[in-house]
Protein backbone atom coordinates (compact mmCIF):
# COMPACT_ATOMS: atom_id res chain seq x y z
CA MET A 1 0.68 1.81 -19.31
CA ALA A 2 -0.62 -0.59 -16.68
CA GLY A 3 -1.93 -3.32 -18.93
CA ASN A 4 1.27 -4.99 -20.08
CA SER A 5 4.27 -3.02 -18.88
CA ILE A 6 3.77 -3.03 -15.10
CA THR A 7 5.00 -5.82 -12.86
CA ILE A 8 3.94 -6.22 -9.24
CA ARG A 9 6.79 -7.67 -7.25
CA ARG A 10 8.06 -8.00 -3.70
CA THR A 11 9.87 -4.92 -2.46
CA ARG A 12 13.65 -4.93 -2.18
CA ARG A 13 15.74 -2.81 0.17
CA ASP A 14 16.92 -0.61 -2.71
CA ASP A 15 13.27 0.32 -3.42
CA VAL A 16 12.92 2.11 -0.06
CA PRO A 17 13.93 5.61 -1.32
CA ALA A 18 11.35 5.46 -4.15
CA ILE A 19 8.65 4.32 -1.72
CA VAL A 20 9.43 7.07 0.78
CA ALA A 21 9.32 9.64 -2.03
CA MET A 22 5.82 8.43 -2.97
CA LEU A 23 4.72 8.44 0.68
CA ALA A 24 5.90 12.04 0.99
CA ASP A 25 4.22 13.22 -2.20
CA ASP A 26 0.98 14.64 -0.79
CA HIS A 27 -0.29 17.09 1.81
CA LEU A 28 -0.27 14.52 4.62
CA GLY A 29 2.94 12.68 3.79
CA SER A 30 4.98 15.81 3.21
CA ALA A 31 4.56 16.70 6.88
CA ARG A 32 5.21 13.15 8.07
CA GLU A 33 8.11 11.81 5.99
CA ARG A 34 11.77 12.88 5.95
CA LEU A 35 13.21 13.04 2.44
CA THR A 36 16.88 13.52 3.20
CA ASP A 37 19.95 12.12 1.50
CA PRO A 38 20.72 9.70 2.92
CA LEU A 39 17.34 8.63 4.25
CA PRO A 40 17.05 8.13 7.99
CA GLY A 41 17.95 4.58 9.00
CA SER A 42 14.51 4.17 10.56
CA TYR A 43 13.05 3.56 7.08
CA PHE A 44 15.47 0.71 6.41
CA ASP A 45 14.94 -0.74 9.89
CA ALA A 46 11.20 -0.72 9.26
CA PHE A 47 11.69 -2.34 5.86
CA GLU A 48 13.65 -5.19 7.48
CA LYS A 49 10.88 -5.76 10.04
CA VAL A 50 8.12 -5.77 7.44
CA ASP A 51 10.11 -7.87 4.97
CA GLY A 52 10.90 -10.46 7.63
CA ASP A 53 7.32 -10.86 8.87
CA PRO A 54 5.30 -13.52 6.99
CA THR A 55 2.01 -11.75 7.77
CA PHE A 56 3.06 -8.72 5.68
CA ARG A 57 3.46 -8.31 1.95
CA LEU A 58 5.17 -5.12 0.81
CA VAL A 59 5.07 -4.85 -2.98
CA VAL A 60 5.93 -2.35 -5.68
CA ALA A 61 4.67 -1.70 -9.17
CA GLU A 62 7.61 -1.53 -11.56
CA THR A 63 7.71 -0.41 -15.18
CA GLY A 64 9.38 -2.46 -17.88
CA GLU A 65 12.29 -0.01 -17.61
CA GLY A 66 12.76 -0.84 -13.92
CA ARG A 67 11.25 2.31 -12.40
CA VAL A 68 9.24 1.85 -9.19
CA VAL A 69 5.98 3.76 -9.74
CA GLY A 70 3.67 2.36 -7.07
CA CYS A 71 3.55 0.48 -3.80
CA LEU A 72 1.32 -0.96 -1.14
CA GLN A 73 1.47 -3.02 2.02
CA LEU A 74 -0.89 -5.92 2.71
CA CYS A 75 -1.21 -7.16 6.27
CA ILE A 76 -2.87 -10.50 6.98
CA LEU A 77 -4.52 -10.26 10.38
CA PRO A 78 -5.80 -13.42 12.07
CA GLY A 79 -8.70 -12.87 14.44
CA LEU A 80 -11.40 -14.46 16.53
CA SER A 81 -14.35 -12.48 15.16
CA SER A 82 -16.35 -13.77 12.22
CA GLN A 83 -15.73 -17.33 13.37
CA GLY A 84 -11.98 -16.95 13.41
CA ALA A 85 -11.66 -15.31 10.02
CA SER A 86 -8.48 -13.66 8.88
CA ARG A 87 -8.73 -10.27 7.22
CA GLY A 88 -6.49 -8.44 4.83
CA LEU A 89 -5.59 -4.84 5.62
CA ILE A 90 -4.33 -2.75 2.71
CA GLU A 91 -2.11 0.18 3.69
CA ASP A 92 0.08 2.84 2.10
CA VAL A 93 -1.19 2.57 -1.46
CA ARG A 94 0.76 5.09 -3.50
CA VAL A 95 1.41 5.78 -7.17
CA ALA A 96 4.05 8.22 -8.40
CA SER A 97 2.33 11.52 -9.16
CA ASP A 98 3.39 11.54 -12.82
CA CYS A 99 1.96 8.03 -13.32
CA ARG A 100 -1.51 8.43 -11.77
CA SER A 101 -4.71 7.70 -13.71
CA ARG A 102 -3.03 4.94 -15.69
CA GLY A 103 -4.48 1.91 -13.86
CA ILE A 104 -1.44 1.25 -11.66
CA GLY A 105 -3.27 1.78 -8.37
CA GLU A 106 -6.06 -0.49 -9.56
CA LEU A 107 -3.56 -3.22 -10.44
CA LEU A 108 -1.98 -2.94 -6.98
CA VAL A 109 -5.29 -3.11 -5.14
CA GLN A 110 -6.54 -6.00 -7.29
CA TRP A 111 -3.29 -7.84 -6.53
CA ALA A 112 -3.80 -7.27 -2.78
CA VAL A 113 -7.41 -8.46 -2.84
CA GLU A 114 -6.47 -11.63 -4.73
CA GLU A 115 -3.48 -12.26 -2.44
CA ALA A 116 -5.69 -11.87 0.64
CA ARG A 117 -8.25 -14.26 -0.84
CA ALA A 118 -5.53 -16.79 -1.69
CA ARG A 119 -4.26 -16.58 1.91
CA GLY A 120 -7.68 -17.44 3.31
CA CYS A 121 -8.97 -14.00 4.26
CA LYS A 122 -12.73 -13.53 4.44
CA LEU A 123 -12.59 -9.76 3.91
CA VAL A 124 -10.25 -6.97 2.94
CA GLU A 125 -10.22 -3.57 4.63
CA LEU A 126 -8.39 -0.34 4.11
CA LEU A 127 -8.26 3.06 5.69
CA THR A 128 -7.94 6.34 3.86
CA HIS A 129 -7.74 9.78 5.38
CA GLN A 130 -10.99 11.73 5.30
CA SER A 131 -9.30 14.49 3.31
CA ARG A 132 -8.39 12.10 0.47
CA VAL A 133 -11.66 12.43 -1.38
CA ASP A 134 -10.21 11.26 -4.71
CA ALA A 135 -8.87 8.12 -3.04
CA GLN A 136 -12.28 7.44 -1.52
CA ARG A 137 -13.90 7.65 -4.98
CA PHE A 138 -11.18 5.35 -6.34
CA TYR A 139 -11.78 2.69 -3.68
CA THR A 140 -15.55 2.91 -4.11
CA ARG A 141 -15.09 2.32 -7.83
CA LEU A 142 -13.10 -0.82 -6.98
CA GLY A 143 -15.95 -2.20 -4.88
CA PHE A 144 -15.05 -1.04 -1.36
CA THR A 145 -17.82 0.43 0.78
CA ALA A 146 -17.60 2.90 3.63
CA SER A 147 -18.33 0.78 6.69
CA HIS A 148 -16.37 1.98 9.73
CA VAL A 149 -15.18 5.14 11.37
CA GLY A 150 -11.42 5.14 11.90
CA MET A 151 -9.76 6.82 14.84
CA THR A 152 -6.11 7.48 15.60
CA VAL A 153 -3.86 8.26 18.55
CA ARG A 154 -0.39 9.52 17.61
CA PHE A 155 2.61 9.37 19.94
């Protein structure tokens, strides 16, 4: 499927419901996201903020038939460390559950790595929850190495 029928493109406002559905489609997201009809306005407010910020790239993977089947967010973070190097941070990588294991996630991550490189980043990072063992294997296969311990404070 992924080879010639998937397009990676910038997210549009009307893609938000499909993205939220993918975010909610696992044991962590189902407790965190609100899949109501209509969706809470907070999702659309957040989309406007992300879409309007030049340091973010929110993209979707779309089939030739126009179905959104994957997404990710790339953040370009300038910094002082590493001699002022910018870094790319990949977040919220998701693929629709009925489309997994078809290379779509790999296409999305490869796109993000190349985009970060093209924008002058010296490294790309991502975080994945410790319970997402399959995701950790996936990222290792794509060349990422476990290098940091992530910590969170929720409000």
